Amino acid sequence: MKHFFNRREDIVTEALDGLLQTAPAGSLARLDSYPDIKIVLRGDWDKAKVAVISGGGAGHEPSHAGFVGRGMLTAAVSGEIFASPSVDAVLTAIRTVTGPMGCLLIVKNYTGDRLNFGLAAEKARVEGFRVEMVIVADDIALPDIAQPRGVAGTLFVHKIAGHLAERGADLETVAAAARSAAGSIVSLGVSLSSCSIPGQAHAERLAADEGELGLGIHGEPGAERIALQEARSIVATMSERLSRALPEDGDYALLLNNLGAVPPIEMGLIAHTVFASSLADRVKLTIGPAPMMTALNMNGFSLSLIRLDPEREAALKSPVAPHAWMPAVDRREIVVLPIAAAPAGEALPASYDPAVDRLIAAICDHLLSLEAELNHLDARAGDGDTGSTVATGSRSVLSQIERLPLKDIGATLSSIGSILSTSMGGSSGVLLSIFFTAAAKAHSDTKDMASALLAGLERMTFYGGAAVGDRTMVDALDPALRALKTGGLAAAASAARAGADATSAMKKAKAGRASYVGERDLDGVPDPGAMAVAAVFEVAAGLR
């Protein structure tokens, strides 16, 4: 797996420096102890309040340094990727930021973190510092394990402790609230891939049809392997297990955490799916979805819940300086507003013409059969959705065919243009809507089908900018319509097929999505839009 980095040895320090260089002026700083000791701290810290320190191995960004700032952490101590920071590093952080009010260490329940933070706390106490430590063990993946892992739910503790410290609470109060919060958190993660570490060989342990449920944040195997399935099934399993770990009553805050590589569109879908699950009625506040406690580039997510009381709710809602923290929002229903009414137009009554009905249905059915083939072609020359886009338009036309004014050709063309403008996304939908709309207007003036379609082509190419030779649907549509004008449907179908086939020899696209693709990737690949046009004319000519 490929990664962006310079030298493996410098990944963590350079990443932390990048964070410092892009943070608001004066908000963050680091100690002059690179590379052995890597500490990021508040640039405005004056030791007047309880210091809140956390940290651990790198690879969990934005945790931990991304949460340093007013209202959250005072300092974050970083180790190398997935490696706990040393005792000296933690002790240095304590010495640097701890004043008379003392400090709280927030530690995830991994052996290395417990030992290094714990020994640093003991040494600091010997030096006279007031130090408390809270261990977070929120993972429920292995319910019978004596030492559950600390995972993304740790962020709840960062936020609650940071809020109280910022308000001036004493160390005992901050530590007690943090311990209470840590005992009220449950988390569970799922992933469709393992993560890869920059500079190390990667071997994917999961098959293409497998995922892992109940995993940590260091790339370790999950508690169990699961079959690849719909998101709603995965979320239902997670929700059921989390619900079993919760008391029967009470309101909860939910943290939707991206483990590193789930695209935003999928995280939005996951959020929607969670709010349709058995957990939904328990959730009062939501934080995320966002990457907050990641495992490098793991293609997975985790759900964390904490039981709310008025103090925790206020703490989670309070504003903070770190941008990585997503504001907690109240659970709410989707607001749906009415669309603006279109200007009233003359209604076109439905009418039936069996020949036109059969032709439209045959064309749409054939285009639907080509969905996978056209997508495959477009995946090589574009973004892989031509077949799906054409299929969507075909389904929409078929679903409304009984309402079309089929005895009135011009009105039918206009109606198809309207349908495609609404249902068929991307530039293809707009271009074809322009084509049919302009053709409808020309047909009402001339009553000549071939001339009307050529008029539609002229308007489509005017707005779209493509011409013959640009490697688009125009390479098939233009010769087909000119042949239709002089030689009928059979000649049009032959010209369309010849034009579509010719696109496979065109080395460079001059319009459309394929214009961004290099010659090597286009070589021998016909344009999928032109192929769809050829198929339409072949159906119309009775050749399919």
Protein backbone atom coordinates (compact mmCIF):
# COMPACT_ATOMS: atom_id res chain seq x y z
CA MET A 1 0.00 0.00 0.00
CA LYS A 2 1.30 3.45 -0.91
CA HIS A 3 1.87 6.34 1.50
CA PHE A 4 3.11 9.92 1.41
CA PHE A 5 6.21 10.34 3.56
CA ASN A 6 9.85 11.40 3.40
CA ARG A 7 11.81 9.24 5.82
CA ARG A 8 10.08 6.68 7.97
CA GLU A 9 12.01 7.91 11.00
CA ASP A 10 10.63 11.45 10.60
CA ILE A 11 6.95 10.75 9.93
CA VAL A 12 5.66 11.57 13.41
CA THR A 13 7.76 14.68 14.06
CA GLU A 14 7.01 16.13 10.62
CA ALA A 15 3.30 15.44 11.05
CA LEU A 16 3.25 17.17 14.42
CA ASP A 17 5.14 20.14 12.99
CA GLY A 18 2.56 20.31 10.19
CA LEU A 19 -0.16 20.53 12.83
CA LEU A 20 1.69 23.34 14.61
CA GLN A 21 2.29 25.25 11.38
CA THR A 22 -1.40 25.18 10.45
CA ALA A 23 -2.87 25.93 13.89
CA PRO A 24 -4.09 29.44 14.80
CA ALA A 25 -1.23 31.71 15.86
CA GLY A 26 -0.23 31.27 19.48
CA SER A 27 -2.56 28.35 20.13
CA LEU A 28 -0.05 25.49 20.13
CA ALA A 29 3.65 24.94 20.74
CA ARG A 30 6.08 22.06 21.17
CA LEU A 31 9.06 21.48 23.40
CA ASP A 32 12.61 21.62 22.08
CA SER A 33 13.08 17.92 22.76
CA TYR A 34 12.55 16.46 19.28
CA PRO A 35 12.86 13.76 18.15
CA ASP A 36 13.09 11.60 21.30
CA ILE A 37 10.43 13.44 23.26
CA LYS A 38 7.45 14.71 21.27
CA ILE A 39 5.13 16.96 23.27
CA VAL A 40 2.55 19.43 21.93
CA LEU A 41 1.10 21.86 24.46
CA ARG A 42 -1.09 24.92 24.67
CA GLY A 43 0.71 28.06 23.62
CA ASP A 44 -1.28 30.14 26.13
CA TRP A 45 -0.83 27.89 29.18
CA ASP A 46 0.05 29.62 32.47
CA LYS A 47 -0.28 26.74 34.99
CA ALA A 48 -3.11 28.51 36.82
CA LYS A 49 -5.52 25.59 36.42
CA VAL A 50 -5.48 21.80 36.53
CA ALA A 51 -3.49 20.47 33.59
CA VAL A 52 -5.03 17.67 31.52
CA ILE A 53 -2.48 15.44 29.77
CA SER A 54 -3.06 12.53 27.44
CA GLY A 55 -1.23 10.82 24.64
CA GLY A 56 -0.08 7.52 23.27
CA GLY A 57 1.27 6.18 20.04
CA ALA A 58 0.97 8.17 16.83
CA GLY A 59 -1.28 6.98 14.04
CA HIS A 60 -4.53 8.00 15.73
CA GLU A 61 -4.65 11.52 14.37
CA PRO A 62 -6.19 13.96 15.12
CA SER A 63 -5.74 12.29 18.51
CA HIS A 64 -3.95 13.24 20.56
CA ALA A 65 -2.27 16.53 19.67
CA GLY A 66 -5.27 17.66 17.64
CA PHE A 67 -7.27 17.96 20.86
CA VAL A 68 -4.79 20.21 22.66
CA GLY A 69 -6.32 23.60 23.32
CA ARG A 70 -8.64 25.61 25.51
CA GLY A 71 -11.39 23.41 26.93
CA MET A 72 -9.68 20.09 26.24
CA LEU A 73 -6.11 18.87 26.66
CA THR A 74 -3.29 20.96 28.05
CA ALA A 75 -0.62 18.75 26.47
CA ALA A 76 -0.34 15.60 24.39
CA VAL A 77 2.63 13.22 24.52
CA SER A 78 3.28 11.25 21.35
CA GLY A 79 5.21 8.05 20.79
CA GLU A 80 6.10 6.61 17.42
CA ILE A 81 3.36 4.99 15.34
CA PHE A 82 1.32 2.71 17.64
CA ALA A 83 4.07 2.85 20.31
CA SER A 84 3.56 4.31 23.76
CA PRO A 85 5.62 7.38 24.65
CA SER A 86 8.45 6.80 27.10
CA VAL A 87 8.37 7.43 30.83
CA ASP A 88 10.77 10.36 30.34
CA ALA A 89 8.47 11.89 27.72
CA VAL A 90 5.41 11.71 29.98
CA LEU A 91 7.37 12.99 32.98
CA THR A 92 8.68 15.89 30.89
CA ALA A 93 5.13 16.85 29.98
CA ILE A 94 4.06 16.74 33.64
CA ARG A 95 6.97 18.95 34.70
CA THR A 96 6.30 21.42 31.89
CA VAL A 97 2.58 22.10 32.34
CA THR A 98 1.76 21.21 35.97
CA GLY A 99 1.33 24.02 38.47
CA PRO A 100 -0.01 24.15 42.03
CA MET A 101 -3.44 22.88 40.93
CA GLY A 102 -1.90 19.57 39.77
CA CYS A 103 -2.52 17.50 36.66
CA LEU A 104 -4.71 14.67 35.41
CA LEU A 105 -3.33 11.94 33.13
CA ILE A 106 -5.92 10.32 30.84
CA VAL A 107 -4.65 6.95 29.66
CA LYS A 108 -6.12 4.37 27.29
CA ASN A 109 -6.07 0.86 28.69
CA TYR A 110 -3.09 -0.62 26.87
CA THR A 111 -0.20 -2.15 28.80
CA GLY A 112 2.47 0.17 27.39
CA ASP A 113 0.44 3.30 28.12
CA ARG A 114 -0.48 2.16 31.62
CA LEU A 115 3.12 1.36 32.53
CA ASN A 116 4.79 4.43 31.02
CA PHE A 117 2.20 6.93 32.20
CA GLY A 118 1.93 5.16 35.55
CA LEU A 119 5.68 5.20 36.30
CA ALA A 120 5.88 8.82 35.16
CA ALA A 121 3.05 9.67 37.59
CA GLU A 122 4.88 7.96 40.45
CA LYS A 123 8.13 9.78 39.70
CA ALA A 124 6.29 13.09 39.43
CA ARG A 125 4.68 12.56 42.82
CA VAL A 126 8.12 11.93 44.31
CA GLU A 127 9.18 15.28 42.84
CA GLY A 128 6.25 16.95 44.61
CA PHE A 129 3.71 17.23 41.81
CA ARG A 130 0.04 16.52 42.44
CA VAL A 131 -0.90 13.90 39.84
CA GLU A 132 -4.01 11.80 39.28
CA MET A 133 -4.48 9.20 36.56
CA VAL A 134 -7.66 7.90 34.91
CA ILE A 135 -7.64 4.76 32.77
CA VAL A 136 -10.28 4.43 30.06
CA ALA A 137 -11.39 0.91 29.11
CA ASP A 138 -14.46 1.46 26.94
CA ASP A 139 -14.18 -1.34 24.35
CA ILE A 140 -16.86 -4.07 24.70
CA ALA A 141 -15.62 -6.29 21.85
CA LEU A 142 -14.37 -8.93 24.32
CA PRO A 143 -16.88 -8.79 27.18
CA ASP A 144 -15.09 -11.38 29.34
CA ILE A 145 -11.62 -9.86 29.12
CA ALA A 146 -10.15 -8.56 32.39
CA GLN A 147 -8.60 -5.47 30.79
CA PRO A 148 -10.79 -4.01 28.00
CA ARG A 149 -9.04 -1.69 25.58
CA GLY A 150 -9.36 2.07 25.63
CA VAL A 151 -10.56 3.34 22.26
CA ALA A 152 -12.49 6.30 20.84
CA GLY A 153 -14.67 6.74 23.92
CA THR A 154 -11.57 8.21 25.57
CA LEU A 155 -12.44 11.46 23.80
CA PHE A 156 -15.49 11.87 26.01
CA VAL A 157 -13.15 11.89 29.02
CA HIS A 158 -10.82 14.41 27.36
CA LYS A 159 -13.77 16.72 26.81
CA ILE A 160 -15.37 16.40 30.23
CA ALA A 161 -12.09 16.75 32.14
CA GLY A 162 -10.95 19.62 29.93
CA HIS A 163 -14.24 21.45 30.48
CA LEU A 164 -14.04 21.20 34.25
CA ALA A 165 -10.37 22.17 34.33
CA GLU A 166 -11.06 25.20 32.15
CA ARG A 167 -13.77 26.30 34.59
CA GLY A 168 -11.25 26.19 37.44
CA ALA A 169 -12.36 23.01 39.20
CA ASP A 170 -9.82 21.44 41.56
CA LEU A 171 -7.91 18.25 40.77
CA GLU A 172 -10.10 16.02 42.91
CA THR A 173 -13.25 17.22 41.14
CA VAL A 174 -11.74 16.88 37.68
CA ALA A 175 -10.38 13.40 38.40
CA ALA A 176 -13.62 12.17 39.96
CA ALA A 177 -15.68 13.35 37.00
CA ALA A 178 -13.21 11.77 34.58
CA ARG A 179 -13.30 8.41 36.40
CA SER A 180 -17.07 8.45 36.54
CA ALA A 181 -17.28 9.26 32.85
CA ALA A 182 -14.78 6.53 31.96
CA GLY A 183 -16.96 3.99 33.74
CA SER A 184 -20.03 5.03 31.75
CA ILE A 185 -18.66 4.59 28.21
CA VAL A 186 -19.08 1.70 25.80
CA SER A 187 -17.48 1.45 22.34
CA LEU A 188 -17.44 -1.02 19.47
CA GLY A 189 -15.63 -0.85 16.12
CA VAL A 190 -15.87 -2.57 12.74
CA SER A 191 -13.61 -2.48 9.70
CA LEU A 192 -13.48 -3.80 6.16
CA SER A 193 -9.67 -3.71 6.01
CA SER A 194 -6.64 -3.73 8.21
CA CYS A 195 -4.47 -0.62 8.31
CA SER A 196 -1.02 -0.24 6.77
CA ILE A 197 1.98 1.46 8.39
CA PRO A 198 4.10 3.76 6.22
CA GLY A 199 7.43 2.20 5.36
CA GLN A 200 6.36 -1.33 6.28
CA ALA A 201 5.22 -4.12 3.99
CA HIS A 202 1.47 -4.61 4.17
CA ALA A 203 -0.40 -7.90 3.91
CA GLU A 204 -4.19 -7.64 3.96
CA ARG A 205 -5.50 -10.35 6.28
CA LEU A 206 -9.13 -10.02 5.18
CA ALA A 207 -10.64 -11.56 2.07
CA ALA A 208 -12.61 -9.39 -0.33
CA ASP A 209 -15.90 -10.56 1.21
CA GLU A 210 -14.85 -10.24 4.87
CA GLY A 211 -14.80 -7.61 7.58
CA GLU A 212 -13.83 -7.56 11.24
CA LEU A 213 -16.04 -6.71 14.19
CA GLY A 214 -14.73 -5.70 17.57
CA LEU A 215 -11.31 -4.28 16.86
CA GLY A 216 -8.87 -1.94 18.50
CA ILE A 217 -7.04 1.08 17.11
CA HIS A 218 -3.62 -0.45 16.47
CA GLY A 219 -4.33 -2.70 13.52
CA GLU A 220 -4.78 -5.80 15.66
CA PRO A 221 -7.27 -8.44 14.44
CA GLY A 222 -10.88 -7.98 15.44
CA ALA A 223 -12.71 -10.19 17.89
CA GLU A 224 -14.45 -11.94 15.00
CA ARG A 225 -14.61 -11.98 11.23
CA ILE A 226 -17.91 -11.20 9.58
CA ALA A 227 -19.23 -11.55 6.06
CA LEU A 228 -19.37 -8.40 3.97
CA GLN A 229 -22.97 -7.22 4.17
CA GLU A 230 -25.25 -4.20 3.99
CA ALA A 231 -24.41 -1.34 6.31
CA ARG A 232 -27.78 -1.71 8.03
CA SER A 233 -26.95 -5.30 9.00
CA ILE A 234 -23.54 -4.32 10.38
CA VAL A 235 -25.01 -1.41 12.33
CA ALA A 236 -27.83 -3.61 13.64
CA THR A 237 -25.31 -6.09 15.05
CA MET A 238 -23.26 -3.33 16.65
CA SER A 239 -26.36 -1.62 18.05
CA GLU A 240 -27.63 -4.83 19.59
CA ARG A 241 -24.31 -5.52 21.32
CA LEU A 242 -23.90 -1.96 22.53
CA SER A 243 -27.49 -1.92 23.81
CA ARG A 244 -26.82 -5.07 25.85
CA ALA A 245 -23.93 -3.28 27.54
CA LEU A 246 -26.02 -0.25 28.49
CA PRO A 247 -28.38 0.19 31.45
CA GLU A 248 -32.02 -0.05 30.47
CA ASP A 249 -32.82 3.63 30.84
CA GLY A 250 -31.17 7.01 30.36
CA ASP A 251 -30.06 9.33 27.57
CA TYR A 252 -26.73 8.98 25.82
CA ALA A 253 -24.26 10.92 23.71
CA LEU A 254 -23.05 9.11 20.60
CA LEU A 255 -19.61 9.58 19.04
CA LEU A 256 -19.47 8.44 15.39
CA ASN A 257 -15.78 7.90 14.74
CA ASN A 258 -14.16 7.30 11.35
CA LEU A 259 -11.17 4.98 11.83
CA GLY A 260 -9.34 6.69 9.00
CA ALA A 261 -10.38 5.75 5.48
CA VAL A 262 -14.16 5.66 5.27
CA PRO A 263 -15.29 8.25 2.67
CA PRO A 264 -17.54 11.04 3.99
CA ILE A 265 -20.47 9.83 1.88
CA GLU A 266 -20.32 6.44 3.60
CA MET A 267 -19.98 8.01 7.05
CA GLY A 268 -23.13 10.02 6.33
CA LEU A 269 -24.93 6.83 5.35
CA ILE A 270 -23.69 5.12 8.51
CA ALA A 271 -24.99 8.01 10.63
CA HIS A 272 -28.39 7.74 8.95
CA THR A 273 -28.39 3.97 9.49
CA VAL A 274 -27.52 4.33 13.18
CA PHE A 275 -30.45 6.71 13.63
CA ALA A 276 -32.73 4.04 12.20
CA SER A 277 -31.34 1.35 14.53
CA SER A 278 -32.29 0.14 17.97
CA LEU A 279 -29.87 2.68 19.48
CA ALA A 280 -31.64 5.69 18.05
CA ASP A 281 -34.10 6.27 20.88
CA ARG A 282 -31.28 6.25 23.43
CA VAL A 283 -29.25 8.98 21.69
CA LYS A 284 -29.77 12.59 22.78
CA LEU A 285 -26.48 14.13 21.61
CA THR A 286 -24.36 13.29 18.56
CA ILE A 287 -20.68 14.04 17.94
CA GLY A 288 -19.46 13.41 14.42
CA PRO A 289 -19.32 11.61 12.09
CA ALA A 290 -15.64 12.49 11.79
CA PRO A 291 -12.16 10.98 12.03
CA MET A 292 -11.31 11.63 15.68
CA MET A 293 -9.50 8.53 16.99
CA THR A 294 -8.17 6.81 13.89
CA ALA A 295 -6.06 3.77 13.14
CA LEU A 296 -4.05 5.23 10.26
CA ASN A 297 -5.95 4.29 7.08
CA MET A 298 -8.27 1.65 8.47
CA ASN A 299 -11.49 1.39 6.45
CA GLY A 300 -13.77 1.20 9.44
CA PHE A 301 -15.71 3.11 12.05
CA SER A 302 -16.59 2.88 15.71
CA LEU A 303 -19.58 3.83 17.83
CA SER A 304 -19.09 5.12 21.37
CA LEU A 305 -21.79 6.01 23.88
CA ILE A 306 -21.67 7.73 27.25
CA ARG A 307 -24.58 8.02 29.64
CA LEU A 308 -25.61 11.62 30.12
CA ASP A 309 -26.42 13.66 33.17
CA PRO A 310 -26.79 17.46 33.22
CA GLU A 311 -23.11 18.03 34.06
CA ARG A 312 -21.80 15.75 31.31
CA GLU A 313 -24.20 17.19 28.78
CA ALA A 314 -23.05 20.72 29.60
CA ALA A 315 -19.41 19.62 29.38
CA LEU A 316 -19.84 17.95 26.00
CA LYS A 317 -21.69 20.95 24.58
CA SER A 318 -19.25 23.58 25.82
CA PRO A 319 -17.17 25.29 23.10
CA VAL A 320 -13.49 24.44 22.74
CA ALA A 321 -10.54 25.75 20.77
CA PRO A 322 -9.40 22.52 19.01
CA HIS A 323 -10.99 22.29 15.58
CA ALA A 324 -10.72 18.50 15.56
CA TRP A 325 -13.48 18.26 18.16
CA MET A 326 -16.88 18.11 16.47
CA PRO A 327 -19.55 20.13 18.31
CA ALA A 328 -22.13 18.00 20.09
CA VAL A 329 -25.57 18.49 18.55
CA ASP A 330 -28.98 17.53 19.84
CA ARG A 331 -30.63 14.59 18.14
CA ARG A 332 -33.33 15.90 15.81
CA GLU A 333 -35.53 14.86 12.96
CA ILE A 334 -34.84 15.83 9.36
CA VAL A 335 -36.46 19.12 8.37
CA VAL A 336 -38.29 18.84 5.05
CA LEU A 337 -39.43 22.03 3.31
CA PRO A 338 -41.76 22.26 0.30
CA ILE A 339 -40.21 22.86 -3.09
CA ALA A 340 -40.92 26.08 -4.92
CA ALA A 341 -43.87 25.68 -7.25
CA ALA A 342 -43.09 25.67 -10.96
CA PRO A 343 -44.92 28.14 -13.14
CA ALA A 344 -48.28 26.77 -14.19
CA GLY A 345 -48.13 25.42 -17.71
CA GLU A 346 -50.54 23.84 -20.11
CA ALA A 347 -51.14 20.24 -19.08
CA LEU A 348 -50.35 17.67 -21.75
CA PRO A 349 -52.96 14.91 -21.59
CA ALA A 350 -51.77 11.34 -21.88
CA SER A 351 -52.49 9.57 -25.12
CA TYR A 352 -51.63 6.14 -26.47
CA ASP A 353 -49.88 5.16 -29.67
CA PRO A 354 -48.93 1.48 -29.66
CA ALA A 355 -46.03 1.86 -32.10
CA VAL A 356 -44.46 4.73 -30.17
CA ASP A 357 -45.06 2.92 -26.88
CA ARG A 358 -43.30 -0.22 -28.16
CA LEU A 359 -40.38 1.78 -29.53
CA ILE A 360 -39.75 3.74 -26.32
CA ALA A 361 -40.11 0.63 -24.17
CA ALA A 362 -37.77 -1.39 -26.38
CA ILE A 363 -35.10 1.33 -26.32
CA CYS A 364 -35.29 1.75 -22.53
CA ASP A 365 -35.25 -2.00 -21.89
CA HIS A 366 -32.19 -2.44 -24.09
CA LEU A 367 -30.35 0.44 -22.40
CA LEU A 368 -31.12 -1.16 -19.03
CA SER A 369 -29.57 -4.41 -20.24
CA LEU A 370 -26.38 -2.52 -21.12
CA GLU A 371 -25.90 -0.93 -17.67
CA ALA A 372 -23.01 -3.12 -16.52
CA GLU A 373 -21.29 -3.08 -19.93
CA LEU A 374 -21.44 0.71 -20.22
CA ASN A 375 -20.22 1.15 -16.64
CA HIS A 376 -17.29 -1.14 -17.41
CA LEU A 377 -16.34 0.93 -20.44
CA ASP A 378 -16.70 4.17 -18.51
CA ALA A 379 -14.56 2.85 -15.66
CA ARG A 380 -11.70 2.69 -18.14
CA ALA A 381 -12.33 6.08 -19.73
CA GLY A 382 -14.23 8.13 -17.14
CA ASP A 383 -15.79 7.74 -13.72
CA GLY A 384 -17.62 4.45 -14.25
CA ASP A 385 -21.23 5.62 -14.09
CA THR A 386 -22.45 6.03 -17.68
CA GLY A 387 -24.42 2.78 -17.58
CA SER A 388 -26.02 3.65 -14.25
CA THR A 389 -26.86 7.17 -15.43
CA VAL A 390 -28.46 5.92 -18.64
CA ALA A 391 -30.29 3.20 -16.72
CA THR A 392 -31.68 5.75 -14.26
CA GLY A 393 -33.05 7.83 -17.13
CA SER A 394 -34.51 4.73 -18.81
CA ARG A 395 -36.27 3.61 -15.64
CA SER A 396 -37.76 7.05 -15.15
CA VAL A 397 -39.12 7.17 -18.70
CA LEU A 398 -40.57 3.64 -18.36
CA SER A 399 -42.21 4.51 -15.05
CA GLN A 400 -44.02 7.47 -16.65
CA ILE A 401 -44.73 6.07 -20.11
CA GLU A 402 -48.45 5.69 -19.42
CA ARG A 403 -48.66 9.44 -18.72
CA LEU A 404 -46.92 10.50 -21.94
CA PRO A 405 -48.84 12.16 -24.82
CA LEU A 406 -47.65 9.51 -27.27
CA LYS A 407 -49.91 10.61 -30.13
CA ASP A 408 -48.22 14.02 -30.12
CA ILE A 409 -44.57 13.52 -31.10
CA GLY A 410 -43.47 17.04 -30.17
CA ALA A 411 -45.17 16.83 -26.77
CA THR A 412 -43.62 13.40 -26.18
CA LEU A 413 -40.14 14.74 -26.93
CA SER A 414 -40.75 17.64 -24.55
CA SER A 415 -41.97 15.30 -21.81
CA ILE A 416 -38.94 13.04 -22.16
CA GLY A 417 -36.68 16.08 -21.94
CA SER A 418 -38.43 17.10 -18.73
CA ILE A 419 -38.15 13.61 -17.23
CA LEU A 420 -34.42 13.36 -17.98
CA SER A 421 -33.69 16.81 -16.56
CA THR A 422 -35.10 15.66 -13.21
CA SER A 423 -33.98 12.06 -12.97
CA MET A 424 -30.82 11.59 -15.01
CA GLY A 425 -27.89 13.13 -13.19
CA GLY A 426 -24.57 14.39 -14.46
CA SER A 427 -23.82 16.22 -17.67
CA SER A 428 -25.40 13.47 -19.80
CA GLY A 429 -28.83 14.10 -18.27
CA VAL A 430 -28.63 17.83 -18.90
CA LEU A 431 -27.34 17.40 -22.45
CA LEU A 432 -30.04 14.92 -23.41
CA SER A 433 -32.70 17.10 -21.80
CA ILE A 434 -31.49 20.02 -23.92
CA PHE A 435 -31.55 17.74 -26.98
CA PHE A 436 -35.12 16.57 -26.49
CA THR A 437 -36.43 19.97 -25.38
CA ALA A 438 -34.97 21.76 -28.41
CA ALA A 439 -36.13 18.96 -30.72
CA ALA A 440 -39.66 19.29 -29.34
CA LYS A 441 -39.71 23.01 -30.13
CA ALA A 442 -38.42 22.40 -33.66
CA HIS A 443 -40.94 19.63 -34.27
CA SER A 444 -43.81 21.89 -33.30
CA ASP A 445 -42.62 24.30 -36.02
CA THR A 446 -41.67 21.87 -38.82
CA LYS A 447 -43.43 18.56 -38.05
CA ASP A 448 -40.34 16.88 -39.54
CA MET A 449 -38.74 14.39 -37.14
CA ALA A 450 -35.28 14.25 -38.68
CA SER A 451 -35.01 18.04 -38.93
CA ALA A 452 -36.27 18.40 -35.36
CA LEU A 453 -33.68 15.98 -34.01
CA LEU A 454 -30.90 17.78 -35.90
CA ALA A 455 -32.09 21.02 -34.32
CA GLY A 456 -31.87 19.34 -30.93
CA LEU A 457 -28.33 18.20 -31.75
CA GLU A 458 -27.33 21.75 -32.72
CA ARG A 459 -28.53 23.12 -29.36
CA MET A 460 -26.92 20.28 -27.42
CA THR A 461 -23.52 20.79 -29.04
CA PHE A 462 -23.80 24.57 -28.65
CA TYR A 463 -24.23 24.29 -24.87
CA GLY A 464 -22.10 21.20 -24.37
CA GLY A 465 -19.21 22.29 -26.58
CA ALA A 466 -18.50 18.84 -28.06
CA ALA A 467 -18.12 18.17 -31.78
CA VAL A 468 -17.46 15.16 -33.97
CA GLY A 469 -13.96 13.86 -33.20
CA ASP A 470 -14.04 14.89 -29.54
CA ARG A 471 -14.75 11.32 -28.39
CA THR A 472 -18.26 11.77 -26.96
CA MET A 473 -21.79 10.62 -27.77
CA VAL A 474 -21.80 13.27 -30.51
CA ASP A 475 -19.49 11.04 -32.58
CA ALA A 476 -22.37 8.59 -32.96
CA LEU A 477 -25.35 10.96 -32.74
CA ASP A 478 -24.26 13.49 -35.38
CA PRO A 479 -23.65 11.02 -38.28
CA ALA A 480 -26.74 9.04 -37.30
CA LEU A 481 -29.07 12.04 -37.49
CA ARG A 482 -27.58 13.23 -40.77
CA ALA A 483 -28.03 9.73 -42.23
CA LEU A 484 -31.59 9.65 -40.87
CA LYS A 485 -32.35 12.83 -42.78
CA THR A 486 -31.30 11.29 -46.10
CA GLY A 487 -31.43 7.51 -45.76
CA GLY A 488 -33.83 6.46 -43.00
CA LEU A 489 -33.41 4.42 -39.82
CA ALA A 490 -31.24 1.62 -41.21
CA ALA A 491 -28.72 4.11 -42.54
CA ALA A 492 -28.85 6.02 -39.24
CA ALA A 493 -28.16 2.86 -37.24
CA SER A 494 -25.21 1.97 -39.46
CA ALA A 495 -23.76 5.47 -39.19
CA ALA A 496 -24.22 5.52 -35.41
CA ARG A 497 -22.42 2.21 -34.99
CA ALA A 498 -19.55 3.31 -37.26
CA GLY A 499 -19.23 6.56 -35.33
CA ALA A 500 -19.24 4.78 -31.96
CA ASP A 501 -16.65 2.23 -33.09
CA ALA A 502 -14.42 5.01 -34.42
CA THR A 503 -14.08 6.48 -30.91
CA SER A 504 -11.99 3.48 -29.82
CA ALA A 505 -9.21 4.65 -32.14
CA MET A 506 -9.31 8.25 -30.92
CA LYS A 507 -6.22 8.75 -28.78
CA LYS A 508 -7.38 11.88 -26.99
CA ALA A 509 -10.78 13.03 -25.75
CA LYS A 510 -11.43 16.76 -26.13
CA ALA A 511 -14.62 16.97 -24.10
CA GLY A 512 -16.35 15.14 -21.29
CA ARG A 513 -14.87 13.29 -18.31
CA ALA A 514 -12.56 11.26 -20.57
CA SER A 515 -10.70 14.46 -21.52
CA TYR A 516 -8.91 14.16 -18.16
CA VAL A 517 -7.69 10.64 -18.97
CA GLY A 518 -4.37 9.90 -20.66
CA GLU A 519 -4.00 8.35 -24.10
CA ARG A 520 -2.73 5.04 -22.72
CA ASP A 521 -5.94 4.48 -20.77
CA LEU A 522 -8.18 5.40 -23.71
CA ASP A 523 -6.46 3.27 -26.33
CA GLY A 524 -8.92 0.78 -27.80
CA VAL A 525 -11.78 1.78 -25.50
CA PRO A 526 -14.91 3.10 -27.26
CA ASP A 527 -16.81 5.99 -25.71
CA PRO A 528 -19.67 4.57 -23.62
CA GLY A 529 -22.03 7.44 -24.48
CA ALA A 530 -21.49 6.86 -28.20
CA MET A 531 -22.08 3.14 -27.69
CA ALA A 532 -25.39 3.89 -25.98
CA VAL A 533 -26.45 6.12 -28.89
CA ALA A 534 -25.59 3.36 -31.39
CA ALA A 535 -27.67 0.89 -29.39
CA VAL A 536 -30.67 3.25 -29.47
CA PHE A 537 -30.61 3.58 -33.25
CA GLU A 538 -30.15 -0.16 -33.70
CA VAL A 539 -33.24 -0.81 -31.62
CA ALA A 540 -35.20 1.81 -33.58
CA ALA A 541 -34.11 0.20 -36.85
CA GLY A 542 -35.11 -3.24 -35.64
CA LEU A 543 -31.55 -4.52 -35.56
CA ARG A 544 -31.68 -5.49 -31.87
